[in-house]
Protein backbone atom coordinates (compact mmCIF):
# COMPACT_ATOMS: atom_id res chain seq x y z
CA MET A 1 21.96 -43.16 -22.21
CA THR A 2 19.82 -46.28 -22.30
CA CYS A 3 17.43 -46.90 -25.17
CA ALA A 4 14.42 -46.66 -22.82
CA TRP A 5 15.62 -43.32 -21.41
CA GLU A 6 16.35 -41.89 -24.83
CA GLU A 7 13.02 -43.04 -26.25
CA ALA A 8 11.09 -41.56 -23.31
CA VAL A 9 12.87 -38.22 -23.79
CA ARG A 10 12.20 -38.18 -27.52
CA ARG A 11 8.50 -38.98 -26.92
CA GLY A 12 8.26 -36.33 -24.21
CA ASP A 13 7.11 -38.91 -21.67
CA ALA A 14 7.66 -37.09 -18.37
CA GLN A 15 5.90 -39.81 -16.35
CA ALA A 16 8.24 -42.54 -17.63
CA LEU A 17 11.26 -40.32 -17.03
CA GLU A 18 10.12 -39.55 -13.48
CA ALA A 19 9.91 -43.29 -12.80
CA MET A 20 13.34 -43.91 -14.32
CA LEU A 21 14.86 -41.10 -12.27
CA GLY A 22 13.31 -42.64 -9.17
CA ALA A 23 14.95 -45.93 -10.09
CA GLY A 24 18.36 -44.24 -10.35
CA ALA A 25 18.69 -43.33 -14.02
CA PRO A 26 21.55 -40.86 -14.51
CA ILE A 27 19.94 -37.53 -15.34
CA ASP A 28 22.84 -36.25 -17.44
CA ALA A 29 23.52 -39.38 -19.49
CA LYS A 30 24.47 -38.55 -23.06
CA ASP A 31 23.16 -39.91 -26.34
CA GLN A 32 25.33 -40.90 -29.31
CA HIS A 33 25.67 -37.22 -30.22
CA GLY A 34 26.83 -36.16 -26.74
CA GLN A 35 23.50 -34.53 -25.91
CA THR A 36 21.81 -34.86 -22.55
CA ALA A 37 18.09 -35.48 -22.06
CA LEU A 38 17.64 -31.80 -21.27
CA MET A 39 19.17 -30.83 -24.60
CA VAL A 40 17.00 -33.25 -26.56
CA ALA A 41 13.82 -32.22 -24.71
CA ALA A 42 14.58 -28.50 -25.17
CA HIS A 43 15.18 -28.94 -28.89
CA ARG A 44 11.99 -30.99 -29.35
CA GLY A 45 9.87 -28.56 -27.34
CA HIS A 46 8.94 -30.95 -24.53
CA GLY A 47 8.28 -28.35 -21.84
CA GLU A 48 7.03 -30.79 -19.20
CA VAL A 49 10.18 -32.89 -19.59
CA VAL A 50 12.39 -29.80 -19.45
CA SER A 51 10.67 -28.73 -16.20
CA LEU A 52 11.06 -32.20 -14.71
CA LEU A 53 14.75 -32.39 -15.57
CA VAL A 54 15.46 -28.89 -14.27
CA ARG A 55 13.66 -29.70 -10.99
CA HIS A 56 15.78 -32.82 -10.62
CA GLY A 57 19.02 -30.88 -11.14
CA ALA A 58 19.95 -31.58 -14.76
CA ALA A 59 23.09 -29.82 -15.94
CA LEU A 60 21.85 -26.64 -17.61
CA ASP A 61 25.06 -25.76 -19.42
CA HIS A 62 26.33 -28.99 -20.96
CA THR A 63 27.45 -28.44 -24.55
CA ALA A 64 27.64 -30.84 -27.46
CA LYS A 65 28.14 -30.32 -31.20
CA TYR A 66 28.96 -26.71 -32.09
CA SER A 67 29.18 -25.97 -28.33
CA LEU A 68 25.41 -25.56 -28.18
CA THR A 69 23.50 -25.79 -24.89
CA ALA A 70 19.89 -26.78 -24.18
CA LEU A 71 19.02 -23.07 -24.12
CA MET A 72 20.57 -22.50 -27.52
CA LEU A 73 18.84 -25.57 -28.97
CA ALA A 74 15.47 -24.30 -27.73
CA ILE A 75 16.15 -20.99 -29.48
CA ILE A 76 17.21 -22.64 -32.72
CA ALA A 77 14.06 -24.80 -32.71
CA GLY A 78 11.80 -21.85 -31.82
CA HIS A 79 10.47 -22.77 -28.36
CA PRO A 80 10.08 -19.48 -26.43
CA ALA A 81 8.44 -21.02 -23.34
CA ILE A 82 11.39 -23.36 -22.93
CA VAL A 83 13.83 -20.51 -23.52
CA ARG A 84 12.14 -18.57 -20.71
CA ALA A 85 12.13 -21.61 -18.38
CA LEU A 86 15.83 -22.32 -18.93
CA ALA A 87 16.78 -18.65 -18.57
CA GLU A 88 14.81 -18.42 -15.33
CA ALA A 89 16.47 -21.63 -14.10
CA GLY A 90 19.85 -19.93 -14.51
CA ALA A 91 21.19 -21.32 -17.79
CA ASN A 92 24.47 -19.63 -18.68
CA GLN A 93 23.79 -17.14 -21.45
CA ALA A 94 27.46 -16.27 -21.96
CA ILE A 95 28.38 -19.61 -23.58
CA ARG A 96 29.30 -19.13 -27.22
CA GLY A 97 28.69 -21.55 -30.05
CA SER A 98 31.44 -22.79 -32.32
CA GLY A 99 31.94 -24.32 -35.71
CA LEU A 100 29.93 -23.77 -38.83
CA MET A 101 26.27 -23.07 -39.50
CA GLY A 102 26.32 -19.54 -38.07
CA PHE A 103 26.89 -20.59 -34.46
CA ALA A 104 30.54 -19.57 -34.11
CA GLY A 105 31.00 -16.97 -31.40
CA LYS A 106 27.25 -16.52 -30.88
CA THR A 107 25.53 -16.47 -27.49
CA ALA A 108 21.94 -17.48 -26.83
CA LEU A 109 20.89 -13.84 -27.10
CA ASP A 110 22.70 -13.49 -30.43
CA LEU A 111 20.84 -16.54 -31.75
CA ALA A 112 17.47 -15.21 -30.56
CA ARG A 113 18.14 -11.84 -32.18
CA ALA A 114 19.20 -13.54 -35.42
CA ARG A 115 15.84 -15.39 -35.43
CA GLY A 116 14.09 -12.08 -35.01
CA ASP A 117 12.06 -13.55 -32.16
CA ALA A 118 11.09 -10.71 -29.82
CA GLU A 119 9.59 -13.08 -27.24
CA MET A 120 12.82 -15.05 -26.90
CA VAL A 121 14.94 -11.90 -26.87
CA ALA A 122 12.75 -10.47 -24.09
CA ALA A 123 13.00 -13.72 -22.09
CA LEU A 124 16.79 -13.56 -22.27
CA GLU A 125 17.09 -9.84 -21.60
CA TRP A 126 14.67 -9.99 -18.64
CA GLY A 127 16.65 -9.93 -15.44
CA ARG A 128 19.81 -8.61 -17.10
CA GLU A 129 18.81 -5.02 -16.40
């Protein structure tokens, strides 16, 4: 991941990212922690960037530390609108976290329930019926 790409993601600058994608920037480039732009944007709550990346085909289910996905990072950081957007885009809810910090064996739904966030739980359960 280039410095310019990473900085634009961290700032939530969808316009800059759109231009970089148009110039051939790799959408699923990883930062020094193995996270993609989608993961960083989801964790930081940058909904416009998440939407842009999803529209351009970003990998929804890439995992990094503790086997967490963008969906799981959005849950951990408390961003229900992003959780709903990623769930509706088809993010895999069966992926289980690993390691320490209470992530081991937990799915996105497990994490949302542990937060006690009814809006996120509903977003994940919607469509499973």
